[in-house]
Amino acid sequence: MSFTVTHQLGRLPTFPEVQALAEQHEVQIDGNGLAGGFCHLDPEQPKVKGNYAFEPNGDLCGDFAGHVMGKLTGTFEFTTGNARITITEKPFLLPEAVLKTMLSEALKEFCAKFAT
């Protein structure tokens, strides 16, 4: 069962801003301002890994896989005015309501960094 969390996004993040946020969260980006991959710095215990692409209009989209009490996978999409995270697979023991609340708060915090 998949679900989506959305939040209003004032402006799209730039690649340097995404790099800075990744560094703050110990996530390494292997790519450039067009496309690439990302992963947690500890290859033995990766918390998250995935791929991203910047569209010609500045939209940012990608997919991710992580481990939070089990496998967590999904997609993300940041477009003009909107940020969206879709979870496609979640750990059985993690209630959907709890995960939605956690993601909603994290997305709200992320979007606050990119107010108009």
PDB file of N, CA and C in Angstrom:
ATOM      1  N   MET A   1       0.856  -1.177   0.000  1.00  0.00           N
ATOM      2  CA  MET A   1       0.000   0.000   0.000  1.00  0.00           C
ATOM      3  C   MET A   1       0.898   1.235   0.000  1.00  0.00           C
ATOM      4  N   SER A   2       0.710   2.109  -0.969  1.00  0.00           N
ATOM      5  CA  SER A   2       1.512   3.325  -1.027  1.00  0.00           C
ATOM      6  C   SER A   2       0.686   4.517  -0.541  1.00  0.00           C
ATOM      7  N   PHE A   3       1.389   5.559  -0.144  1.00  0.00           N
ATOM      8  CA  PHE A   3       0.735   6.804   0.252  1.00  0.00           C
ATOM      9  C   PHE A   3       1.676   7.960  -0.052  1.00  0.00           C
ATOM     10  N   THR A   4       1.101   9.156  -0.161  1.00  0.00           N
ATOM     11  CA  THR A   4       1.856  10.350  -0.520  1.00  0.00           C
ATOM     12  C   THR A   4       1.652  11.433   0.519  1.00  0.00           C
ATOM     13  N   VAL A   5       2.745  12.128   0.838  1.00  0.00           N
ATOM     14  CA  VAL A   5       2.720  13.279   1.730  1.00  0.00           C
ATOM     15  C   VAL A   5       3.148  14.477   0.886  1.00  0.00           C
ATOM     16  N   THR A   6       2.388  15.564   0.956  1.00  0.00           N
ATOM     17  CA  THR A   6       2.716  16.760   0.181  1.00  0.00           C
ATOM     18  C   THR A   6       2.789  17.986   1.091  1.00  0.00           C
ATOM     19  N   HIS A   7       3.508  18.978   0.611  1.00  0.00           N
ATOM     20  CA  HIS A   7       3.600  20.239   1.334  1.00  0.00           C
ATOM     21  C   HIS A   7       3.898  21.334   0.320  1.00  0.00           C
ATOM     22  N   GLN A   8       3.457  22.543   0.625  1.00  0.00           N
ATOM     23  CA  GLN A   8       3.709  23.677  -0.259  1.00  0.00           C
ATOM     24  C   GLN A   8       5.185  24.052  -0.205  1.00  0.00           C
ATOM     25  N   LEU A   9       5.758  24.270  -1.386  1.00  0.00           N
ATOM     26  CA  LEU A   9       7.174  24.621  -1.519  1.00  0.00           C
ATOM     27  C   LEU A   9       7.267  26.001  -2.144  1.00  0.00           C
ATOM     28  N   GLY A  10       7.893  26.930  -1.447  1.00  0.00           N
ATOM     29  CA  GLY A  10       7.987  28.311  -1.929  1.00  0.00           C
ATOM     30  C   GLY A  10       8.821  28.443  -3.188  1.00  0.00           C
ATOM     31  N   ARG A  11       9.987  27.802  -3.208  1.00  0.00           N
ATOM     32  CA  ARG A  11      10.854  27.830  -4.382  1.00  0.00           C
ATOM     33  C   ARG A  11      11.640  26.523  -4.442  1.00  0.00           C
ATOM     34  N   LEU A  12      12.109  26.209  -5.610  1.00  0.00           N
ATOM     35  CA  LEU A  12      12.878  24.978  -5.795  1.00  0.00           C
ATOM     36  C   LEU A  12      14.286  25.126  -5.230  1.00  0.00           C
ATOM     37  N   PRO A  13      14.817  24.087  -4.597  1.00  0.00           N
ATOM     38  CA  PRO A  13      16.194  24.148  -4.111  1.00  0.00           C
ATOM     39  C   PRO A  13      17.175  24.044  -5.272  1.00  0.00           C
ATOM     40  N   THR A  14      18.313  24.689  -5.129  1.00  0.00           N
ATOM     41  CA  THR A  14      19.376  24.583  -6.127  1.00  0.00           C
ATOM     42  C   THR A  14      20.260  23.388  -5.774  1.00  0.00           C
ATOM     43  N   PHE A  15      21.076  22.963  -6.728  1.00  0.00           N
ATOM     44  CA  PHE A  15      21.980  21.849  -6.463  1.00  0.00           C
ATOM     45  C   PHE A  15      22.937  22.152  -5.306  1.00  0.00           C
ATOM     46  N   PRO A  16      23.548  23.348  -5.235  1.00  0.00           N
ATOM     47  CA  PRO A  16      24.420  23.639  -4.083  1.00  0.00           C
ATOM     48  C   PRO A  16      23.665  23.573  -2.745  1.00  0.00           C
ATOM     49  N   GLU A  17      22.411  23.978  -2.733  1.00  0.00           N
ATOM     50  CA  GLU A  17      21.622  23.894  -1.491  1.00  0.00           C
ATOM     51  C   GLU A  17      21.343  22.439  -1.121  1.00  0.00           C
ATOM     52  N   VAL A  18      21.068  21.616  -2.115  1.00  0.00           N
ATOM     53  CA  VAL A  18      20.847  20.188  -1.861  1.00  0.00           C
ATOM     54  C   VAL A  18      22.135  19.552  -1.349  1.00  0.00           C
ATOM     55  N   GLN A  19      23.267  19.925  -1.936  1.00  0.00           N
ATOM     56  CA  GLN A  19      24.561  19.415  -1.471  1.00  0.00           C
ATOM     57  C   GLN A  19      24.799  19.767  -0.007  1.00  0.00           C
ATOM     58  N   ALA A  20      24.526  21.005   0.360  1.00  0.00           N
ATOM     59  CA  ALA A  20      24.746  21.454   1.739  1.00  0.00           C
ATOM     60  C   ALA A  20      23.859  20.688   2.711  1.00  0.00           C
ATOM     61  N   LEU A  21      22.604  20.477   2.351  1.00  0.00           N
ATOM     62  CA  LEU A  21      21.700  19.715   3.220  1.00  0.00           C
ATOM     63  C   LEU A  21      22.154  18.267   3.342  1.00  0.00           C
ATOM     64  N   ALA A  22      22.596  17.691   2.241  1.00  0.00           N
ATOM     65  CA  ALA A  22      23.076  16.310   2.273  1.00  0.00           C
ATOM     66  C   ALA A  22      24.267  16.182   3.216  1.00  0.00           C
ATOM     67  N   GLU A  23      25.180  17.120   3.125  1.00  0.00           N
ATOM     68  CA  GLU A  23      26.362  17.100   3.985  1.00  0.00           C
ATOM     69  C   GLU A  23      25.971  17.190   5.462  1.00  0.00           C
ATOM     70  N   GLN A  24      24.997  18.024   5.781  1.00  0.00           N
ATOM     71  CA  GLN A  24      24.538  18.167   7.168  1.00  0.00           C
ATOM     72  C   GLN A  24      23.984  16.859   7.718  1.00  0.00           C
ATOM     73  N   HIS A  25      23.470  16.006   6.825  1.00  0.00           N
ATOM     74  CA  HIS A  25      22.860  14.744   7.250  1.00  0.00           C
ATOM     75  C   HIS A  25      23.727  13.532   6.916  1.00  0.00           C
ATOM     76  N   GLU A  26      25.014  13.783   6.671  1.00  0.00           N
ATOM     77  CA  GLU A  26      25.999  12.740   6.379  1.00  0.00           C
ATOM     78  C   GLU A  26      25.586  11.871   5.193  1.00  0.00           C
ATOM     79  N   VAL A  27      25.059  12.530   4.166  1.00  0.00           N
ATOM     80  CA  VAL A  27      24.685  11.853   2.927  1.00  0.00           C
ATOM     81  C   VAL A  27      25.625  12.345   1.835  1.00  0.00           C
ATOM     82  N   GLN A  28      26.204  11.408   1.107  1.00  0.00           N
ATOM     83  CA  GLN A  28      27.136  11.738   0.036  1.00  0.00           C
ATOM     84  C   GLN A  28      26.399  11.752  -1.297  1.00  0.00           C
ATOM     85  N   ILE A  29      26.639  12.781  -2.089  1.00  0.00           N
ATOM     86  CA  ILE A  29      26.065  12.877  -3.429  1.00  0.00           C
ATOM     87  C   ILE A  29      27.147  12.531  -4.439  1.00  0.00           C
ATOM     88  N   ASP A  30      26.855  11.592  -5.311  1.00  0.00           N
ATOM     89  CA  ASP A  30      27.745  11.225  -6.407  1.00  0.00           C
ATOM     90  C   ASP A  30      27.034  11.617  -7.688  1.00  0.00           C
ATOM     91  N   GLY A  31      27.303  12.816  -8.147  1.00  0.00           N
ATOM     92  CA  GLY A  31      26.644  13.302  -9.350  1.00  0.00           C
ATOM     93  C   GLY A  31      26.919  14.776  -9.524  1.00  0.00           C
ATOM     94  N   ASN A  32      26.034  15.423 -10.257  1.00  0.00           N
ATOM     95  CA  ASN A  32      26.220  16.835 -10.550  1.00  0.00           C
ATOM     96  C   ASN A  32      24.871  17.539 -10.531  1.00  0.00           C
ATOM     97  N   GLY A  33      24.828  18.735 -11.071  1.00  0.00           N
ATOM     98  CA  GLY A  33      23.604  19.520 -11.082  1.00  0.00           C
ATOM     99  C   GLY A  33      22.540  19.026 -12.034  1.00  0.00           C
ATOM    100  N   LEU A  34      22.802  17.920 -12.716  1.00  0.00           N
ATOM    101  CA  LEU A  34      21.809  17.332 -13.618  1.00  0.00           C
ATOM    102  C   LEU A  34      21.214  16.041 -13.059  1.00  0.00           C
ATOM    103  N   ALA A  35      22.096  15.138 -12.602  1.00  0.00           N
ATOM    104  CA  ALA A  35      21.613  13.846 -12.110  1.00  0.00           C
ATOM    105  C   ALA A  35      22.727  13.143 -11.344  1.00  0.00           C
ATOM    106  N   GLY A  36      22.332  12.132 -10.590  1.00  0.00           N
ATOM    107  CA  GLY A  36      23.318  11.356  -9.855  1.00  0.00           C
ATOM    108  C   GLY A  36      22.676  10.456  -8.832  1.00  0.00           C
ATOM    109  N   GLY A  37      23.502  10.009  -7.918  1.00  0.00           N
ATOM    110  CA  GLY A  37      23.049   9.138  -6.851  1.00  0.00           C
ATOM    111  C   GLY A  37      23.441   9.722  -5.509  1.00  0.00           C
ATOM    112  N   PHE A  38      22.870   9.162  -4.454  1.00  0.00           N
ATOM    113  CA  PHE A  38      23.215   9.595  -3.105  1.00  0.00           C
ATOM    114  C   PHE A  38      23.141   8.398  -2.175  1.00  0.00           C
ATOM    115  N   CYS A  39      23.923   8.464  -1.097  1.00  0.00           N
ATOM    116  CA  CYS A  39      23.898   7.394  -0.095  1.00  0.00           C
ATOM    117  C   CYS A  39      24.462   7.926   1.215  1.00  0.00           C
ATOM    118  N   HIS A  40      24.084   7.263   2.279  1.00  0.00           N
ATOM    119  CA  HIS A  40      24.610   7.592   3.598  1.00  0.00           C
ATOM    120  C   HIS A  40      26.100   7.283   3.590  1.00  0.00           C
ATOM    121  N   LEU A  41      26.888   8.062   4.315  1.00  0.00           N
ATOM    122  CA  LEU A  41      28.342   7.923   4.271  1.00  0.00           C
ATOM    123  C   LEU A  41      28.868   6.593   4.794  1.00  0.00           C
ATOM    124  N   ASP A  42      28.156   5.911   5.651  1.00  0.00           N
ATOM    125  CA  ASP A  42      28.618   4.638   6.192  1.00  0.00           C
ATOM    126  C   ASP A  42      28.144   3.509   5.271  1.00  0.00           C
ATOM    127  N   PRO A  43      29.021   3.001   4.394  1.00  0.00           N
ATOM    128  CA  PRO A  43      28.599   1.972   3.448  1.00  0.00           C
ATOM    129  C   PRO A  43      28.204   0.653   4.119  1.00  0.00           C
ATOM    130  N   GLU A  44      28.670   0.435   5.343  1.00  0.00           N
ATOM    131  CA  GLU A  44      28.309  -0.785   6.065  1.00  0.00           C
ATOM    132  C   GLU A  44      26.877  -0.734   6.587  1.00  0.00           C
ATOM    133  N   GLN A  45      26.411   0.453   6.925  1.00  0.00           N
ATOM    134  CA  GLN A  45      25.063   0.646   7.466  1.00  0.00           C
ATOM    135  C   GLN A  45      24.373   1.809   6.764  1.00  0.00           C
ATOM    136  N   PRO A  46      24.114   1.697   5.462  1.00  0.00           N
ATOM    137  CA  PRO A  46      23.489   2.830   4.772  1.00  0.00           C
ATOM    138  C   PRO A  46      22.060   3.055   5.250  1.00  0.00           C
ATOM    139  N   LYS A  47      21.796   4.284   5.704  1.00  0.00           N
ATOM    140  CA  LYS A  47      20.453   4.623   6.156  1.00  0.00           C
ATOM    141  C   LYS A  47      19.565   4.950   4.973  1.00  0.00           C
ATOM    142  N   VAL A  48      20.187   5.464   3.903  1.00  0.00           N
ATOM    143  CA  VAL A  48      19.415   5.844   2.720  1.00  0.00           C
ATOM    144  C   VAL A  48      20.326   5.798   1.494  1.00  0.00           C
ATOM    145  N   LYS A  49      19.744   5.454   0.368  1.00  0.00           N
ATOM    146  CA  LYS A  49      20.445   5.539  -0.905  1.00  0.00           C
ATOM    147  C   LYS A  49      19.399   5.767  -1.986  1.00  0.00           C
ATOM    148  N   GLY A  50      19.828   6.343  -3.089  1.00  0.00           N
ATOM    149  CA  GLY A  50      18.865   6.589  -4.151  1.00  0.00           C
ATOM    150  C   GLY A  50      19.465   7.337  -5.312  1.00  0.00           C
ATOM    151  N   ASN A  51      18.593   7.833  -6.162  1.00  0.00           N
ATOM    152  CA  ASN A  51      18.968   8.556  -7.374  1.00  0.00           C
ATOM    153  C   ASN A  51      18.141   9.823  -7.482  1.00  0.00           C
ATOM    154  N   TYR A  52      18.697  10.822  -8.164  1.00  0.00           N
ATOM    155  CA  TYR A  52      17.983  12.086  -8.342  1.00  0.00           C
ATOM    156  C   TYR A  52      18.244  12.616  -9.745  1.00  0.00           C
ATOM    157  N   ALA A  53      17.385  13.514 -10.185  1.00  0.00           N
ATOM    158  CA  ALA A  53      17.582  14.212 -11.458  1.00  0.00           C
ATOM    159  C   ALA A  53      16.941  15.590 -11.366  1.00  0.00           C
ATOM    160  N   PHE A  54      17.648  16.593 -11.864  1.00  0.00           N
ATOM    161  CA  PHE A  54      17.092  17.930 -12.005  1.00  0.00           C
ATOM    162  C   PHE A  54      16.571  18.053 -13.432  1.00  0.00           C
ATOM    163  N   GLU A  55      15.330  18.436 -13.575  1.00  0.00           N
ATOM    164  CA  GLU A  55      14.735  18.649 -14.888  1.00  0.00           C
ATOM    165  C   GLU A  55      15.197  20.001 -15.424  1.00  0.00           C
ATOM    166  N   PRO A  56      15.102  20.233 -16.745  1.00  0.00           N
ATOM    167  CA  PRO A  56      15.523  21.527 -17.315  1.00  0.00           C
ATOM    168  C   PRO A  56      14.831  22.741 -16.677  1.00  0.00           C
ATOM    169  N   ASN A  57      13.599  22.555 -16.184  1.00  0.00           N
ATOM    170  CA  ASN A  57      12.881  23.673 -15.554  1.00  0.00           C
ATOM    171  C   ASN A  57      13.221  23.836 -14.079  1.00  0.00           C
ATOM    172  N   GLY A  58      14.131  23.000 -13.537  1.00  0.00           N
ATOM    173  CA  GLY A  58      14.537  23.103 -12.142  1.00  0.00           C
ATOM    174  C   GLY A  58      13.875  22.114 -11.218  1.00  0.00           C
ATOM    175  N   ASP A  59      12.829  21.416 -11.679  1.00  0.00           N
ATOM    176  CA  ASP A  59      12.186  20.397 -10.843  1.00  0.00           C
ATOM    177  C   ASP A  59      13.222  19.351 -10.442  1.00  0.00           C
ATOM    178  N   LEU A  60      13.060  18.804  -9.255  1.00  0.00           N
ATOM    179  CA  LEU A  60      13.954  17.776  -8.734  1.00  0.00           C
ATOM    180  C   LEU A  60      13.125  16.545  -8.419  1.00  0.00           C
ATOM    181  N   CYS A  61      13.529  15.391  -8.947  1.00  0.00           N
ATOM    182  CA  CYS A  61      12.788  14.161  -8.662  1.00  0.00           C
ATOM    183  C   CYS A  61      13.773  13.013  -8.493  1.00  0.00           C
ATOM    184  N   GLY A  62      13.290  11.953  -7.885  1.00  0.00           N
ATOM    185  CA  GLY A  62      14.145  10.796  -7.690  1.00  0.00           C
ATOM    186  C   GLY A  62      13.465   9.705  -6.911  1.00  0.00           C
ATOM    187  N   ASP A  63      14.272   8.713  -6.548  1.00  0.00           N
ATOM    188  CA  ASP A  63      13.775   7.589  -5.759  1.00  0.00           C
ATOM    189  C   ASP A  63      14.764   7.318  -4.629  1.00  0.00           C
ATOM    190  N   PHE A  64      14.303   6.594  -3.629  1.00  0.00           N
ATOM    191  CA  PHE A  64      15.157   6.296  -2.489  1.00  0.00           C
ATOM    192  C   PHE A  64      14.773   4.960  -1.874  1.00  0.00           C
ATOM    193  N   ALA A  65      15.714   4.406  -1.157  1.00  0.00           N
ATOM    194  CA  ALA A  65      15.488   3.204  -0.357  1.00  0.00           C
ATOM    195  C   ALA A  65      16.236   3.419   0.948  1.00  0.00           C
ATOM    196  N   GLY A  66      15.607   3.053   2.034  1.00  0.00           N
ATOM    197  CA  GLY A  66      16.233   3.224   3.334  1.00  0.00           C
ATOM    198  C   GLY A  66      15.867   2.080   4.256  1.00  0.00           C
ATOM    199  N   HIS A  67      16.405   2.141   5.447  1.00  0.00           N
ATOM    200  CA  HIS A  67      16.124   1.122   6.443  1.00  0.00           C
ATOM    201  C   HIS A  67      15.744   1.791   7.748  1.00  0.00           C
ATOM    202  N   VAL A  68      14.456   1.769   8.068  1.00  0.00           N
ATOM    203  CA  VAL A  68      13.919   2.293   9.313  1.00  0.00           C
ATOM    204  C   VAL A  68      13.000   1.204   9.854  1.00  0.00           C
ATOM    205  N   MET A  69      13.518   0.408  10.751  1.00  0.00           N
ATOM    206  CA  MET A  69      12.754  -0.737  11.265  1.00  0.00           C
ATOM    207  C   MET A  69      12.366  -1.676  10.124  1.00  0.00           C
ATOM    208  N   GLY A  70      13.162  -1.715   9.068  1.00  0.00           N
ATOM    209  CA  GLY A  70      12.878  -2.524   7.890  1.00  0.00           C
ATOM    210  C   GLY A  70      13.015  -1.679   6.638  1.00  0.00           C
ATOM    211  N   LYS A  71      12.681  -2.272   5.516  1.00  0.00           N
ATOM    212  CA  LYS A  71      12.843  -1.604   4.229  1.00  0.00           C
ATOM    213  C   LYS A  71      11.800  -0.522   4.008  1.00  0.00           C
ATOM    214  N   LEU A  72      12.273   0.646   3.548  1.00  0.00           N
ATOM    215  CA  LEU A  72      11.417   1.786   3.248  1.00  0.00           C
ATOM    216  C   LEU A  72      11.833   2.289   1.868  1.00  0.00           C
ATOM    217  N   THR A  73      10.904   2.325   0.914  1.00  0.00           N
ATOM    218  CA  THR A  73      11.230   2.807  -0.418  1.00  0.00           C
ATOM    219  C   THR A  73      10.194   3.821  -0.874  1.00  0.00           C
ATOM    220  N   GLY A  74      10.608   4.650  -1.832  1.00  0.00           N
ATOM    221  CA  GLY A  74       9.665   5.630  -2.346  1.00  0.00           C
ATOM    222  C   GLY A  74      10.276   6.536  -3.385  1.00  0.00           C
ATOM    223  N   THR A  75       9.534   7.579  -3.692  1.00  0.00           N
ATOM    224  CA  THR A  75       9.953   8.578  -4.669  1.00  0.00           C
ATOM    225  C   THR A  75       9.768   9.961  -4.066  1.00  0.00           C
ATOM    226  N   PHE A  76      10.463  10.928  -4.631  1.00  0.00           N
ATOM    227  CA  PHE A  76      10.273  12.323  -4.221  1.00  0.00           C
ATOM    228  C   PHE A  76      10.207  13.189  -5.463  1.00  0.00           C
ATOM    229  N   GLU A  77       9.480  14.283  -5.308  1.00  0.00           N
ATOM    230  CA  GLU A  77       9.308  15.213  -6.425  1.00  0.00           C
ATOM    231  C   GLU A  77       9.121  16.609  -5.859  1.00  0.00           C
ATOM    232  N   PHE A  78      10.016  17.509  -6.247  1.00  0.00           N
ATOM    233  CA  PHE A  78       9.929  18.907  -5.842  1.00  0.00           C
ATOM    234  C   PHE A  78       9.706  19.721  -7.101  1.00  0.00           C
ATOM    235  N   THR A  79       8.534  20.285  -7.214  1.00  0.00           N
ATOM    236  CA  THR A  79       8.168  21.089  -8.378  1.00  0.00           C
ATOM    237  C   THR A  79       7.817  22.493  -7.894  1.00  0.00           C
ATOM    238  N   THR A  80       7.668  23.400  -8.812  1.00  0.00           N
ATOM    239  CA  THR A  80       7.321  24.768  -8.450  1.00  0.00           C
ATOM    240  C   THR A  80       6.044  24.768  -7.612  1.00  0.00           C
ATOM    241  N   GLY A  81       6.169  25.173  -6.360  1.00  0.00           N
ATOM    242  CA  GLY A  81       5.019  25.277  -5.473  1.00  0.00           C
ATOM    243  C   GLY A  81       4.634  24.022  -4.717  1.00  0.00           C
ATOM    244  N   ASN A  82       5.286  22.882  -4.988  1.00  0.00           N
ATOM    245  CA  ASN A  82       4.831  21.639  -4.373  1.00  0.00           C
ATOM    246  C   ASN A  82       5.990  20.676  -4.104  1.00  0.00           C
ATOM    247  N   ALA A  83       5.976  20.066  -2.930  1.00  0.00           N
ATOM    248  CA  ALA A  83       6.920  19.011  -2.577  1.00  0.00           C
ATOM    249  C   ALA A  83       6.114  17.760  -2.259  1.00  0.00           C
ATOM    250  N   ARG A  84       6.547  16.639  -2.826  1.00  0.00           N
ATOM    251  CA  ARG A  84       5.772  15.408  -2.669  1.00  0.00           C
ATOM    252  C   ARG A  84       6.715  14.229  -2.419  1.00  0.00           C
ATOM    253  N   ILE A  85       6.381  13.439  -1.402  1.00  0.00           N
ATOM    254  CA  ILE A  85       7.095  12.193  -1.132  1.00  0.00           C
ATOM    255  C   ILE A  85       6.062  11.075  -1.167  1.00  0.00           C
ATOM    256  N   THR A  86       6.332  10.053  -1.962  1.00  0.00           N
ATOM    257  CA  THR A  86       5.446   8.895  -2.037  1.00  0.00           C
ATOM    258  C   THR A  86       6.187   7.686  -1.495  1.00  0.00           C
ATOM    259  N   ILE A  87       5.592   7.034  -0.528  1.00  0.00           N
ATOM    260  CA  ILE A  87       6.154   5.818   0.040  1.00  0.00           C
ATOM    261  C   ILE A  87       5.518   4.638  -0.692  1.00  0.00           C
ATOM    262  N   THR A  88       6.366   3.783  -1.253  1.00  0.00           N
ATOM    263  CA  THR A  88       5.856   2.636  -2.001  1.00  0.00           C
ATOM    264  C   THR A  88       5.987   1.326  -1.232  1.00  0.00           C
ATOM    265  N   GLU A  89       6.874   1.321  -0.250  1.00  0.00           N
ATOM    266  CA  GLU A  89       7.035   0.135   0.603  1.00  0.00           C
ATOM    267  C   GLU A  89       7.497   0.600   1.972  1.00  0.00           C
ATOM    268  N   LYS A  90       6.864   0.066   3.014  1.00  0.00           N
ATOM    269  CA  LYS A  90       7.227   0.460   4.372  1.00  0.00           C
ATOM    270  C   LYS A  90       7.367  -0.782   5.250  1.00  0.00           C
ATOM    271  N   PRO A  91       8.090  -0.645   6.354  1.00  0.00           N
ATOM    272  CA  PRO A  91       8.238  -1.774   7.263  1.00  0.00           C
ATOM    273  C   PRO A  91       6.888  -2.178   7.856  1.00  0.00           C
ATOM    274  N   PHE A  92       6.677  -3.456   7.981  1.00  0.00           N
ATOM    275  CA  PHE A  92       5.429  -3.986   8.523  1.00  0.00           C
ATOM    276  C   PHE A  92       5.153  -3.462   9.928  1.00  0.00           C
ATOM    277  N   LEU A  93       6.197  -3.364  10.759  1.00  0.00           N
ATOM    278  CA  LEU A  93       6.005  -2.985  12.157  1.00  0.00           C
ATOM    279  C   LEU A  93       5.863  -1.486  12.389  1.00  0.00           C
ATOM    280  N   LEU A  94       6.056  -0.681  11.351  1.00  0.00           N
ATOM    281  CA  LEU A  94       5.947   0.767  11.493  1.00  0.00           C
ATOM    282  C   LEU A  94       4.558   1.207  11.024  1.00  0.00           C
ATOM    283  N   PRO A  95       3.703   1.650  11.956  1.00  0.00           N
ATOM    284  CA  PRO A  95       2.346   2.046  11.571  1.00  0.00           C
ATOM    285  C   PRO A  95       2.355   3.194  10.559  1.00  0.00           C
ATOM    286  N   GLU A  96       1.478   3.114   9.580  1.00  0.00           N
ATOM    287  CA  GLU A  96       1.406   4.128   8.529  1.00  0.00           C
ATOM    288  C   GLU A  96       1.174   5.519   9.106  1.00  0.00           C
ATOM    289  N   ALA A  97       0.316   5.636  10.108  1.00  0.00           N
ATOM    290  CA  ALA A  97       0.016   6.946  10.703  1.00  0.00           C
ATOM    291  C   ALA A  97       1.272   7.572  11.313  1.00  0.00           C
ATOM    292  N   VAL A  98       2.091   6.763  11.954  1.00  0.00           N
ATOM    293  CA  VAL A  98       3.333   7.261  12.559  1.00  0.00           C
ATOM    294  C   VAL A  98       4.289   7.722  11.468  1.00  0.00           C
ATOM    295  N   LEU A  99       4.426   6.925  10.419  1.00  0.00           N
ATOM    296  CA  LEU A  99       5.318   7.275   9.325  1.00  0.00           C
ATOM    297  C   LEU A  99       4.837   8.543   8.617  1.00  0.00           C
ATOM    298  N   LYS A 100       3.547   8.666   8.393  1.00  0.00           N
ATOM    299  CA  LYS A 100       2.995   9.863   7.756  1.00  0.00           C
ATOM    300  C   LYS A 100       3.294  11.112   8.585  1.00  0.00           C
ATOM    301  N   THR A 101       3.139  11.010   9.891  1.00  0.00           N
ATOM    302  CA  THR A 101       3.409  12.140  10.776  1.00  0.00           C
ATOM    303  C   THR A 101       4.878  12.524  10.720  1.00  0.00           C
ATOM    304  N   MET A 102       5.766  11.540  10.781  1.00  0.00           N
ATOM    305  CA  MET A 102       7.202  11.798  10.722  1.00  0.00           C
ATOM    306  C   MET A 102       7.587  12.460   9.396  1.00  0.00           C
ATOM    307  N   LEU A 103       7.080  11.918   8.298  1.00  0.00           N
ATOM    308  CA  LEU A 103       7.398  12.475   6.977  1.00  0.00           C
ATOM    309  C   LEU A 103       6.820  13.866   6.794  1.00  0.00           C
ATOM    310  N   SER A 104       5.615  14.075   7.276  1.00  0.00           N
ATOM    311  CA  SER A 104       4.971  15.373   7.150  1.00  0.00           C
ATOM    312  C   SER A 104       5.774  16.444   7.874  1.00  0.00           C
ATOM    313  N   GLU A 105       6.234  16.147   9.081  1.00  0.00           N
ATOM    314  CA  GLU A 105       7.037  17.097   9.846  1.00  0.00           C
ATOM    315  C   GLU A 105       8.377  17.364   9.160  1.00  0.00           C
ATOM    316  N   ALA A 106       9.024  16.310   8.663  1.00  0.00           N
ATOM    317  CA  ALA A 106      10.310  16.473   7.983  1.00  0.00           C
ATOM    318  C   ALA A 106      10.146  17.277   6.693  1.00  0.00           C
ATOM    319  N   LEU A 107       9.076  17.016   5.942  1.00  0.00           N
ATOM    320  CA  LEU A 107       8.837  17.744   4.699  1.00  0.00           C
ATOM    321  C   LEU A 107       8.513  19.207   4.985  1.00  0.00           C
ATOM    322  N   LYS A 108       7.766  19.457   6.033  1.00  0.00           N
ATOM    323  CA  LYS A 108       7.451  20.833   6.428  1.00  0.00           C
ATOM    324  C   LYS A 108       8.738  21.593   6.776  1.00  0.00           C
ATOM    325  N   GLU A 109       9.631  20.950   7.520  1.00  0.00           N
ATOM    326  CA  GLU A 109      10.910  21.558   7.893  1.00  0.00           C
ATOM    327  C   GLU A 109      11.763  21.824   6.654  1.00  0.00           C
ATOM    328  N   PHE A 110      11.794  20.860   5.733  1.00  0.00           N
ATOM    329  CA  PHE A 110      12.540  21.035   4.489  1.00  0.00           C
ATOM    330  C   PHE A 110      11.985  22.219   3.697  1.00  0.00           C
ATOM    331  N   CYS A 111      10.693  22.259   3.527  1.00  0.00           N
ATOM    332  CA  CYS A 111      10.062  23.323   2.725  1.00  0.00           C
ATOM    333  C   CYS A 111      10.251  24.704   3.344  1.00  0.00           C
ATOM    334  N   ALA A 112      10.341  24.770   4.656  1.00  0.00           N
ATOM    335  CA  ALA A 112      10.554  26.058   5.333  1.00  0.00           C
ATOM    336  C   ALA A 112      11.898  26.669   4.934  1.00  0.00           C
ATOM    337  N   LYS A 113      12.857  25.846   4.571  1.00  0.00           N
ATOM    338  CA  LYS A 113      14.173  26.346   4.146  1.00  0.00           C
ATOM    339  C   LYS A 113      14.095  27.012   2.777  1.00  0.00           C
ATOM    340  N   PHE A 114      13.013  26.740   2.038  1.00  0.00           N
ATOM    341  CA  PHE A 114      12.887  27.251   0.682  1.00  0.00           C
ATOM    342  C   PHE A 114      11.617  28.063   0.501  1.00  0.00           C
ATOM    343  N   ALA A 115      11.346  28.894   1.481  1.00  0.00           N
ATOM    344  CA  ALA A 115      10.203  29.820   1.366  1.00  0.00           C
ATOM    345  C   ALA A 115      10.563  30.851   0.297  1.00  0.00           C
ATOM    346  N   THR A 116       9.563  31.501  -0.236  1.00  0.00           N
ATOM    347  CA  THR A 116       9.800  32.451  -1.335  1.00  0.00           C
ATOM    348  C   THR A 116      10.713  33.565  -0.997  1.00  0.00           C
TER     349      THR A 116
END
